Amino acid sequence: MNFVKFIENYDSTYGIPRPAEYPHIPPFHAFLRIIQHVVLMIAVIGCGLISAYLLWKSAGFLHVSQQVKLYFVMGIILVMR
């Protein structure tokens, strides 16, 4: 089965959400909008994970005390929010 046909069948069965200003867009374009948002969420989560990791590594490189590492952990939690 063609991929576009699969998306059209999925849209007719379950319904792909469309924005209120574009209720007439075809199923394939609605699917692309959903994928665009998914990729954006993955990118934001990935950047958060990378920044949390770099914060933790910088605490190790600076040889800080346990109390300062606690502040770094608070910063990591703030970054992950």
C-alpha atoms as a PDB file:
ATOM      1  CA  MET A   1       0.000   0.000   0.000  1.00  0.00           C
ATOM      2  CA  ASN A   2       1.207   3.464  -0.864  1.00  0.00           C
ATOM      3  CA  PHE A   3       2.295   5.608   2.104  1.00  0.00           C
ATOM      4  CA  VAL A   4       0.015   8.497   1.135  1.00  0.00           C
ATOM      5  CA  LYS A   5      -2.889   6.071   0.828  1.00  0.00           C
ATOM      6  CA  PHE A   6      -2.086   4.698   4.274  1.00  0.00           C
ATOM      7  CA  ILE A   7      -2.190   8.230   5.713  1.00  0.00           C
ATOM      8  CA  GLU A   8      -5.511   8.895   3.973  1.00  0.00           C
ATOM      9  CA  ASN A   9      -6.975   5.653   5.370  1.00  0.00           C
ATOM     10  CA  TYR A  10      -5.703   6.506   8.845  1.00  0.00           C
ATOM     11  CA  ASP A  11      -7.209   9.983   8.558  1.00  0.00           C
ATOM     12  CA  SER A  12     -10.583   8.646   7.480  1.00  0.00           C
ATOM     13  CA  THR A  13     -10.613   6.086  10.305  1.00  0.00           C
ATOM     14  CA  TYR A  14      -9.145   8.019  13.245  1.00  0.00           C
ATOM     15  CA  GLY A  15      -8.903  11.621  12.043  1.00  0.00           C
ATOM     16  CA  ILE A  16      -5.694  13.612  12.001  1.00  0.00           C
ATOM     17  CA  PRO A  17      -6.136  16.871  13.930  1.00  0.00           C
ATOM     18  CA  ARG A  18      -5.976  20.031  11.861  1.00  0.00           C
ATOM     19  CA  PRO A  19      -5.481  23.596  13.041  1.00  0.00           C
ATOM     20  CA  ALA A  20      -8.610  25.755  13.247  1.00  0.00           C
ATOM     21  CA  GLU A  21      -7.384  28.144  10.547  1.00  0.00           C
ATOM     22  CA  TYR A  22      -6.724  25.297   8.057  1.00  0.00           C
ATOM     23  CA  PRO A  23      -9.567  22.758   8.346  1.00  0.00           C
ATOM     24  CA  HIS A  24      -9.417  22.028   4.604  1.00  0.00           C
ATOM     25  CA  ILE A  25      -5.805  20.823   4.282  1.00  0.00           C
ATOM     26  CA  PRO A  26      -5.329  17.334   2.834  1.00  0.00           C
ATOM     27  CA  PRO A  27      -4.409  14.418   5.103  1.00  0.00           C
ATOM     28  CA  PHE A  28      -0.790  14.291   3.944  1.00  0.00           C
ATOM     29  CA  HIS A  29      -0.190  17.939   4.867  1.00  0.00           C
ATOM     30  CA  ALA A  30      -1.917  17.436   8.226  1.00  0.00           C
ATOM     31  CA  PHE A  31       0.406  14.463   8.799  1.00  0.00           C
ATOM     32  CA  LEU A  32       3.437  16.606   7.922  1.00  0.00           C
ATOM     33  CA  ARG A  33       2.327  19.243  10.442  1.00  0.00           C
ATOM     34  CA  ILE A  34       2.035  16.589  13.157  1.00  0.00           C
ATOM     35  CA  ILE A  35       5.480  15.185  12.296  1.00  0.00           C
ATOM     36  CA  GLN A  36       6.915  18.710  12.353  1.00  0.00           C
ATOM     37  CA  HIS A  37       5.666  19.184  15.915  1.00  0.00           C
ATOM     38  CA  VAL A  38       6.966  15.764  16.989  1.00  0.00           C
ATOM     39  CA  VAL A  39      10.444  16.512  15.619  1.00  0.00           C
ATOM     40  CA  LEU A  40      10.416  19.894  17.345  1.00  0.00           C
ATOM     41  CA  MET A  41       9.519  18.281  20.688  1.00  0.00           C
ATOM     42  CA  ILE A  42      12.293  15.700  20.264  1.00  0.00           C
ATOM     43  CA  ALA A  43      14.784  18.474  19.458  1.00  0.00           C
ATOM     44  CA  VAL A  44      13.804  20.496  22.538  1.00  0.00           C
ATOM     45  CA  ILE A  45      14.059  17.433  24.797  1.00  0.00           C
ATOM     46  CA  GLY A  46      17.426  16.548  23.247  1.00  0.00           C
ATOM     47  CA  CYS A  47      18.765  20.061  23.818  1.00  0.00           C
ATOM     48  CA  GLY A  48      17.561  19.900  27.422  1.00  0.00           C
ATOM     49  CA  LEU A  49      19.333  16.591  27.972  1.00  0.00           C
ATOM     50  CA  ILE A  50      22.540  17.887  26.416  1.00  0.00           C
ATOM     51  CA  SER A  51      22.517  21.042  28.535  1.00  0.00           C
ATOM     52  CA  ALA A  52      21.818  19.020  31.700  1.00  0.00           C
ATOM     53  CA  TYR A  53      24.736  16.737  30.872  1.00  0.00           C
ATOM     54  CA  LEU A  54      27.034  19.698  30.223  1.00  0.00           C
ATOM     55  CA  LEU A  55      26.005  21.304  33.513  1.00  0.00           C
ATOM     56  CA  TRP A  56      26.850  18.095  35.365  1.00  0.00           C
ATOM     57  CA  LYS A  57      30.199  17.732  33.579  1.00  0.00           C
ATOM     58  CA  SER A  58      31.100  21.361  34.310  1.00  0.00           C
ATOM     59  CA  ALA A  59      30.445  20.742  38.016  1.00  0.00           C
ATOM     60  CA  GLY A  60      32.895  17.834  37.837  1.00  0.00           C
ATOM     61  CA  PHE A  61      35.527  19.824  35.932  1.00  0.00           C
ATOM     62  CA  LEU A  62      35.392  22.672  38.450  1.00  0.00           C
ATOM     63  CA  HIS A  63      35.924  20.277  41.411  1.00  0.00           C
ATOM     64  CA  VAL A  64      33.200  21.949  43.437  1.00  0.00           C
ATOM     65  CA  SER A  65      31.886  20.922  46.845  1.00  0.00           C
ATOM     66  CA  GLN A  66      28.815  18.760  47.380  1.00  0.00           C
ATOM     67  CA  GLN A  67      26.681  21.795  48.219  1.00  0.00           C
ATOM     68  CA  VAL A  68      27.554  23.478  44.937  1.00  0.00           C
ATOM     69  CA  LYS A  69      26.848  20.202  43.108  1.00  0.00           C
ATOM     70  CA  LEU A  70      23.415  20.318  44.721  1.00  0.00           C
ATOM     71  CA  TYR A  71      22.930  23.735  43.140  1.00  0.00           C
ATOM     72  CA  PHE A  72      24.018  22.261  39.821  1.00  0.00           C
ATOM     73  CA  VAL A  73      21.421  19.499  40.235  1.00  0.00           C
ATOM     74  CA  MET A  74      18.807  22.201  40.866  1.00  0.00           C
ATOM     75  CA  GLY A  75      19.937  23.873  37.667  1.00  0.00           C
ATOM     76  CA  ILE A  76      19.657  20.585  35.802  1.00  0.00           C
ATOM     77  CA  ILE A  77      16.113  20.100  37.085  1.00  0.00           C
ATOM     78  CA  LEU A  78      15.291  23.660  36.021  1.00  0.00           C
ATOM     79  CA  VAL A  79      16.715  22.961  32.556  1.00  0.00           C
ATOM     80  CA  MET A  80      14.694  19.756  32.246  1.00  0.00           C
ATOM     81  CA  ARG A  81      11.425  21.514  33.088  1.00  0.00           C
END
